[in-house]
Amino acid sequence: MGLSAEQLESIRSTMEAYLPSTCTILRKSTSADGYGGRSETWSSIGTAACMVKQVPRAELLKAGQPVEGDRWKVLLPADTDVTAQDRIQVGDVVYAIESLHQADYLIGKAAFCRRLP
């Protein structure tokens, strides 16, 4: 038996109350640079509540192999317009999304990221 719309909304509201920060979703666009090449621009497409957590080193595996460097998990509301090709900015820190996962029952999203210099 699945959740009713009211139950799902209640769970989402509760989860979002525990997201203490606000992030900006950045999406890449490209355009001609006038010299035969392309220019990339990262622009804000919106904001969302979020929580940023460092992923413990013991959990950092990719294809069964240890991952170099630190990784971060950014928790977001389920209806956040974000793709695995986007970036997430929290304050002055920008994260590149490496994978994006929808939580059970469409309660929220988890973006696994690396912090950009």
C-alpha atoms as a PDB file:
ATOM      1  CA  MET A   1       0.000   0.000   0.000  1.00  0.00           C
ATOM      2  CA  GLY A   2       1.427   3.357  -1.030  1.00  0.00           C
ATOM      3  CA  LEU A   3       1.327   6.711   0.662  1.00  0.00           C
ATOM      4  CA  SER A   4      -1.578   9.063   0.170  1.00  0.00           C
ATOM      5  CA  ALA A   5      -0.914  12.516  -1.304  1.00  0.00           C
ATOM      6  CA  GLU A   6      -1.497  14.038   2.140  1.00  0.00           C
ATOM      7  CA  GLN A   7       0.967  11.667   3.815  1.00  0.00           C
ATOM      8  CA  LEU A   8       3.610  12.330   1.174  1.00  0.00           C
ATOM      9  CA  GLU A   9       3.183  16.098   1.511  1.00  0.00           C
ATOM     10  CA  SER A  10       3.451  15.843   5.299  1.00  0.00           C
ATOM     11  CA  ILE A  11       6.687  13.842   5.055  1.00  0.00           C
ATOM     12  CA  ARG A  12       8.148  16.289   2.513  1.00  0.00           C
ATOM     13  CA  SER A  13       7.259  19.284   4.706  1.00  0.00           C
ATOM     14  CA  THR A  14       8.874  17.651   7.728  1.00  0.00           C
ATOM     15  CA  MET A  15      12.033  16.855   5.775  1.00  0.00           C
ATOM     16  CA  GLU A  16      12.303  20.373   4.352  1.00  0.00           C
ATOM     17  CA  ALA A  17      12.065  21.838   7.867  1.00  0.00           C
ATOM     18  CA  TYR A  18      15.413  20.131   8.591  1.00  0.00           C
ATOM     19  CA  LEU A  19      17.214  21.673   5.607  1.00  0.00           C
ATOM     20  CA  PRO A  20      18.975  24.642   7.292  1.00  0.00           C
ATOM     21  CA  SER A  21      20.724  26.249   4.317  1.00  0.00           C
ATOM     22  CA  THR A  22      19.758  27.765   0.993  1.00  0.00           C
ATOM     23  CA  CYS A  23      21.573  26.868  -2.211  1.00  0.00           C
ATOM     24  CA  THR A  24      21.614  28.194  -5.727  1.00  0.00           C
ATOM     25  CA  ILE A  25      21.298  25.775  -8.636  1.00  0.00           C
ATOM     26  CA  LEU A  26      23.696  26.679 -11.470  1.00  0.00           C
ATOM     27  CA  ARG A  27      23.149  25.448 -15.014  1.00  0.00           C
ATOM     28  CA  LYS A  28      25.662  25.644 -17.871  1.00  0.00           C
ATOM     29  CA  SER A  29      24.909  27.328 -21.151  1.00  0.00           C
ATOM     30  CA  THR A  30      27.227  27.663 -24.122  1.00  0.00           C
ATOM     31  CA  SER A  31      27.439  30.284 -26.816  1.00  0.00           C
ATOM     32  CA  ALA A  32      29.712  31.228 -29.698  1.00  0.00           C
ATOM     33  CA  ASP A  33      32.695  33.257 -28.506  1.00  0.00           C
ATOM     34  CA  GLY A  34      33.122  35.168 -31.784  1.00  0.00           C
ATOM     35  CA  TYR A  35      36.445  33.454 -32.538  1.00  0.00           C
ATOM     36  CA  GLY A  36      35.161  30.088 -33.786  1.00  0.00           C
ATOM     37  CA  GLY A  37      34.980  28.532 -30.322  1.00  0.00           C
ATOM     38  CA  ARG A  38      32.394  28.176 -27.588  1.00  0.00           C
ATOM     39  CA  SER A  39      32.093  29.985 -24.280  1.00  0.00           C
ATOM     40  CA  GLU A  40      30.590  28.401 -21.129  1.00  0.00           C
ATOM     41  CA  THR A  41      28.534  30.338 -18.598  1.00  0.00           C
ATOM     42  CA  TRP A  42      27.085  29.024 -15.330  1.00  0.00           C
ATOM     43  CA  SER A  43      23.866  30.864 -14.475  1.00  0.00           C
ATOM     44  CA  SER A  44      21.461  30.629 -11.563  1.00  0.00           C
ATOM     45  CA  ILE A  45      18.198  28.868 -12.410  1.00  0.00           C
ATOM     46  CA  GLY A  46      16.750  29.012  -8.894  1.00  0.00           C
ATOM     47  CA  THR A  47      17.260  28.404  -5.197  1.00  0.00           C
ATOM     48  CA  ALA A  48      16.284  25.616  -2.822  1.00  0.00           C
ATOM     49  CA  ALA A  49      16.529  24.654   0.819  1.00  0.00           C
ATOM     50  CA  CYS A  50      19.404  22.247   1.424  1.00  0.00           C
ATOM     51  CA  MET A  51      21.711  20.490   3.852  1.00  0.00           C
ATOM     52  CA  VAL A  52      25.364  19.825   3.033  1.00  0.00           C
ATOM     53  CA  LYS A  53      27.131  16.887   4.672  1.00  0.00           C
ATOM     54  CA  GLN A  54      30.612  15.520   4.102  1.00  0.00           C
ATOM     55  CA  VAL A  55      30.539  11.867   3.039  1.00  0.00           C
ATOM     56  CA  PRO A  56      32.639   9.692   5.395  1.00  0.00           C
ATOM     57  CA  ARG A  57      35.764   8.281   3.718  1.00  0.00           C
ATOM     58  CA  ALA A  58      34.624   4.717   4.469  1.00  0.00           C
ATOM     59  CA  GLU A  59      31.677   5.239   2.081  1.00  0.00           C
ATOM     60  CA  LEU A  60      33.726   6.649  -0.799  1.00  0.00           C
ATOM     61  CA  LEU A  61      33.821   3.926  -3.428  1.00  0.00           C
ATOM     62  CA  LYS A  62      33.219   4.120  -7.157  1.00  0.00           C
ATOM     63  CA  ALA A  63      33.016   0.843  -9.064  1.00  0.00           C
ATOM     64  CA  GLY A  64      34.393  -0.831  -5.934  1.00  0.00           C
ATOM     65  CA  GLN A  65      37.505   1.356  -5.854  1.00  0.00           C
ATOM     66  CA  PRO A  66      38.398   4.120  -3.374  1.00  0.00           C
ATOM     67  CA  VAL A  67      37.642   7.658  -4.592  1.00  0.00           C
ATOM     68  CA  GLU A  68      40.322  10.353  -4.429  1.00  0.00           C
ATOM     69  CA  GLY A  69      39.484  13.538  -2.515  1.00  0.00           C
ATOM     70  CA  ASP A  70      36.567  14.557  -0.340  1.00  0.00           C
ATOM     71  CA  ARG A  71      32.950  14.217  -1.400  1.00  0.00           C
ATOM     72  CA  TRP A  72      29.817  15.938  -0.176  1.00  0.00           C
ATOM     73  CA  LYS A  73      26.149  15.033  -0.092  1.00  0.00           C
ATOM     74  CA  VAL A  74      23.684  17.858  -0.682  1.00  0.00           C
ATOM     75  CA  LEU A  75      20.126  17.018   0.390  1.00  0.00           C
ATOM     76  CA  LEU A  76      17.379  18.861  -1.518  1.00  0.00           C
ATOM     77  CA  PRO A  77      13.562  18.910  -1.653  1.00  0.00           C
ATOM     78  CA  ALA A  78      12.019  16.411  -4.088  1.00  0.00           C
ATOM     79  CA  ASP A  79      10.687  19.071  -6.455  1.00  0.00           C
ATOM     80  CA  THR A  80      14.031  20.880  -6.898  1.00  0.00           C
ATOM     81  CA  ASP A  81      14.857  21.550 -10.565  1.00  0.00           C
ATOM     82  CA  VAL A  82      18.347  20.036 -10.628  1.00  0.00           C
ATOM     83  CA  THR A  83      20.150  17.636 -12.970  1.00  0.00           C
ATOM     84  CA  ALA A  84      23.385  15.661 -12.665  1.00  0.00           C
ATOM     85  CA  GLN A  85      25.007  18.178 -15.052  1.00  0.00           C
ATOM     86  CA  ASP A  86      24.282  21.183 -12.794  1.00  0.00           C
ATOM     87  CA  ARG A  87      26.327  22.724 -10.000  1.00  0.00           C
ATOM     88  CA  ILE A  88      25.178  23.709  -6.521  1.00  0.00           C
ATOM     89  CA  GLN A  89      26.393  26.841  -4.740  1.00  0.00           C
ATOM     90  CA  VAL A  90      26.044  27.290  -0.978  1.00  0.00           C
ATOM     91  CA  GLY A  91      27.433  30.640   0.133  1.00  0.00           C
ATOM     92  CA  ASP A  92      30.806  31.024  -1.598  1.00  0.00           C
ATOM     93  CA  VAL A  93      31.305  27.272  -2.097  1.00  0.00           C
ATOM     94  CA  VAL A  94      30.457  25.611  -5.435  1.00  0.00           C
ATOM     95  CA  TYR A  95      29.911  21.850  -5.789  1.00  0.00           C
ATOM     96  CA  ALA A  96      30.001  19.842  -9.028  1.00  0.00           C
ATOM     97  CA  ILE A  97      27.363  17.108  -9.010  1.00  0.00           C
ATOM     98  CA  GLU A  98      28.759  13.643  -9.736  1.00  0.00           C
ATOM     99  CA  SER A  99      25.504  11.729  -9.215  1.00  0.00           C
ATOM    100  CA  LEU A 100      21.929  12.570  -8.304  1.00  0.00           C
ATOM    101  CA  HIS A 101      19.513  10.251  -6.500  1.00  0.00           C
ATOM    102  CA  GLN A 102      15.791  10.487  -5.778  1.00  0.00           C
ATOM    103  CA  ALA A 103      14.931   9.225  -2.284  1.00  0.00           C
ATOM    104  CA  ASP A 104      12.205   6.644  -1.633  1.00  0.00           C
ATOM    105  CA  TYR A 105       8.621   7.832  -2.174  1.00  0.00           C
ATOM    106  CA  LEU A 106       9.958  10.952  -3.935  1.00  0.00           C
ATOM    107  CA  ILE A 107      10.600  12.568  -0.534  1.00  0.00           C
ATOM    108  CA  GLY A 108      13.825  14.317  -1.470  1.00  0.00           C
ATOM    109  CA  LYS A 109      16.931  14.297  -3.646  1.00  0.00           C
ATOM    110  CA  ALA A 110      20.547  13.621  -2.721  1.00  0.00           C
ATOM    111  CA  ALA A 111      23.304  15.082  -4.882  1.00  0.00           C
ATOM    112  CA  PHE A 112      26.729  13.527  -4.397  1.00  0.00           C
ATOM    113  CA  CYS A 113      29.307  16.185  -5.243  1.00  0.00           C
ATOM    114  CA  ARG A 114      32.894  17.270  -5.216  1.00  0.00           C
ATOM    115  CA  ARG A 115      33.832  20.723  -4.019  1.00  0.00           C
ATOM    116  CA  LEU A 116      35.308  22.981  -6.699  1.00  0.00           C
ATOM    117  CA  PRO A 117      38.366  25.154  -5.955  1.00  0.00           C
END
